[in-house]
């Protein structure tokens, strides 16, 4: 089973980086934009309404086409590596309605490893 090609759009993934300053404080920055194709739709349904409550209006689902592999790093965080080499994990940034040169407007809050990799993203 495949995703209908006319529904696929190009979105951009930006890897999250934690930066420490000279005083020991931390901040988030995002790396270069990596394009990928997927289908995006608003969160809905009883399960997501119960899970997210009032935040439901700011949640979207993205289904990514392609095979993937799940690997854990030395800190135990799961990385989802697609066949094309794209590596994503929770809290990375996604550009849904912004360009690739701008900061991401959504962040990944959950990754569902179904047949197609499904992401739940929340407005930043």
Protein backbone atom coordinates (compact mmCIF):
# COMPACT_ATOMS: atom_id res chain seq x y z
CA UNK A 1 0.00 0.00 0.00
CA UNK A 2 1.29 3.43 -0.92
CA UNK A 3 0.42 7.01 -0.17
CA UNK A 4 -1.34 8.73 -3.08
CA UNK A 5 1.33 10.75 -4.87
CA UNK A 6 -0.93 13.77 -5.47
CA UNK A 7 -1.35 14.22 -1.69
CA UNK A 8 2.38 14.31 -0.96
CA UNK A 9 3.95 17.69 -0.22
CA UNK A 10 7.51 18.69 0.56
CA UNK A 11 8.23 19.69 4.16
CA UNK A 12 11.53 20.39 5.92
CA UNK A 13 13.08 18.76 8.97
CA UNK A 14 15.53 20.76 11.10
CA UNK A 15 17.60 18.84 13.66
CA UNK A 16 17.52 20.32 17.16
CA UNK A 17 20.84 21.23 18.75
CA UNK A 18 21.35 22.13 22.41
CA UNK A 19 23.93 24.93 22.73
CA UNK A 20 25.68 25.83 26.00
CA UNK A 21 26.90 29.38 26.47
CA UNK A 22 29.93 30.55 28.47
CA UNK A 23 27.86 30.89 31.65
CA UNK A 24 26.50 27.33 31.49
CA UNK A 25 22.99 28.20 30.25
CA UNK A 26 21.44 26.18 27.47
CA UNK A 27 19.43 27.17 24.42
CA UNK A 28 17.97 25.45 21.36
CA UNK A 29 19.10 25.98 17.80
CA UNK A 30 18.09 24.21 14.63
CA UNK A 31 20.37 22.88 11.91
CA UNK A 32 20.08 22.94 8.14
CA UNK A 33 16.78 22.07 6.47
CA UNK A 34 16.37 18.53 5.15
CA UNK A 35 13.49 18.08 2.65
CA UNK A 36 11.09 15.14 2.86
CA UNK A 37 7.72 14.22 1.39
CA UNK A 38 4.66 13.53 3.49
CA UNK A 39 0.95 14.00 4.03
CA UNK A 40 -0.25 16.39 6.76
CA UNK A 41 -3.69 16.62 8.43
CA UNK A 42 -5.10 18.10 11.66
CA UNK A 43 -5.26 16.02 14.81
CA UNK A 44 -8.72 14.64 15.53
CA UNK A 45 -10.52 11.70 17.01
CA UNK A 46 -11.40 10.61 20.51
CA UNK A 47 -7.93 9.32 21.44
CA UNK A 48 -6.07 12.47 20.41
CA UNK A 49 -8.76 14.69 21.96
CA UNK A 50 -8.37 12.85 25.27
CA UNK A 51 -4.57 12.89 25.05
CA UNK A 52 -4.09 16.56 24.12
CA UNK A 53 -7.26 18.26 25.38
CA UNK A 54 -7.16 22.04 24.82
CA UNK A 55 -3.92 21.74 22.81
CA UNK A 56 -5.66 19.70 20.08
CA UNK A 57 -6.06 22.75 17.81
CA UNK A 58 -2.25 23.14 17.68
CA UNK A 59 -1.47 19.49 16.86
CA UNK A 60 -1.03 18.06 13.35
CA UNK A 61 -0.22 14.57 12.05
CA UNK A 62 2.33 13.85 9.32
CA UNK A 63 2.70 10.52 7.51
CA UNK A 64 6.08 10.01 5.82
CA UNK A 65 6.47 7.71 2.86
CA UNK A 66 9.36 5.26 2.76
CA UNK A 67 11.02 2.51 4.73
CA UNK A 68 12.74 3.31 8.01
CA UNK A 69 14.86 1.75 10.72
CA UNK A 70 14.78 2.43 14.47
CA UNK A 71 18.07 2.77 16.35
CA UNK A 72 18.88 3.86 19.90
CA UNK A 73 21.89 6.08 20.63
CA UNK A 74 24.21 5.89 23.65
CA UNK A 75 21.79 7.97 25.74
CA UNK A 76 18.85 5.68 24.94
CA UNK A 77 17.06 8.12 22.61
CA UNK A 78 15.35 6.56 19.60
CA UNK A 79 16.39 7.69 16.12
CA UNK A 80 14.19 6.94 13.12
CA UNK A 81 16.41 6.67 10.06
CA UNK A 82 14.70 6.71 6.68
CA UNK A 83 15.95 4.89 3.62
CA UNK A 84 17.19 8.19 2.13
CA UNK A 85 19.42 8.78 5.21
CA UNK A 86 17.23 11.33 7.01
CA UNK A 87 17.51 10.90 10.79
CA UNK A 88 14.69 12.25 12.97
CA UNK A 89 13.81 12.10 16.64
CA UNK A 90 11.37 13.74 19.02
CA UNK A 91 11.74 17.51 19.59
CA UNK A 92 13.27 18.14 16.14
CA UNK A 93 11.76 21.04 14.22
CA UNK A 94 9.45 20.77 11.22
CA UNK A 95 8.73 23.55 8.72
CA UNK A 96 5.10 23.04 7.65
CA UNK A 97 4.07 26.58 6.75
CA UNK A 98 7.44 28.34 6.82
CA UNK A 99 10.25 28.23 4.29
CA UNK A 100 13.43 26.26 4.62
CA UNK A 101 15.45 29.37 5.55
CA UNK A 102 13.18 30.31 8.48
CA UNK A 103 12.91 28.81 11.96
CA UNK A 104 10.59 25.79 12.21
CA UNK A 105 6.98 26.44 13.14
CA UNK A 106 6.29 22.95 14.59
CA UNK A 107 8.20 20.46 16.74
CA UNK A 108 7.87 16.68 16.84
CA UNK A 109 6.14 15.57 20.05
CA UNK A 110 5.56 11.89 19.19
CA UNK A 111 6.74 9.39 16.60
CA UNK A 112 4.45 6.46 15.84
CA UNK A 113 6.32 3.59 14.13
CA UNK A 114 3.46 2.22 12.05
CA UNK A 115 3.83 0.87 8.51
CA UNK A 116 4.40 4.46 7.43
CA UNK A 117 6.26 6.59 9.94
CA UNK A 118 3.66 8.90 11.52
CA UNK A 119 4.61 12.04 13.43
CA UNK A 120 2.55 14.13 15.80
CA UNK A 121 3.78 17.72 15.71
CA UNK A 122 2.83 20.73 17.84
CA UNK A 123 2.94 24.44 16.99
CA UNK A 124 5.94 26.19 18.57
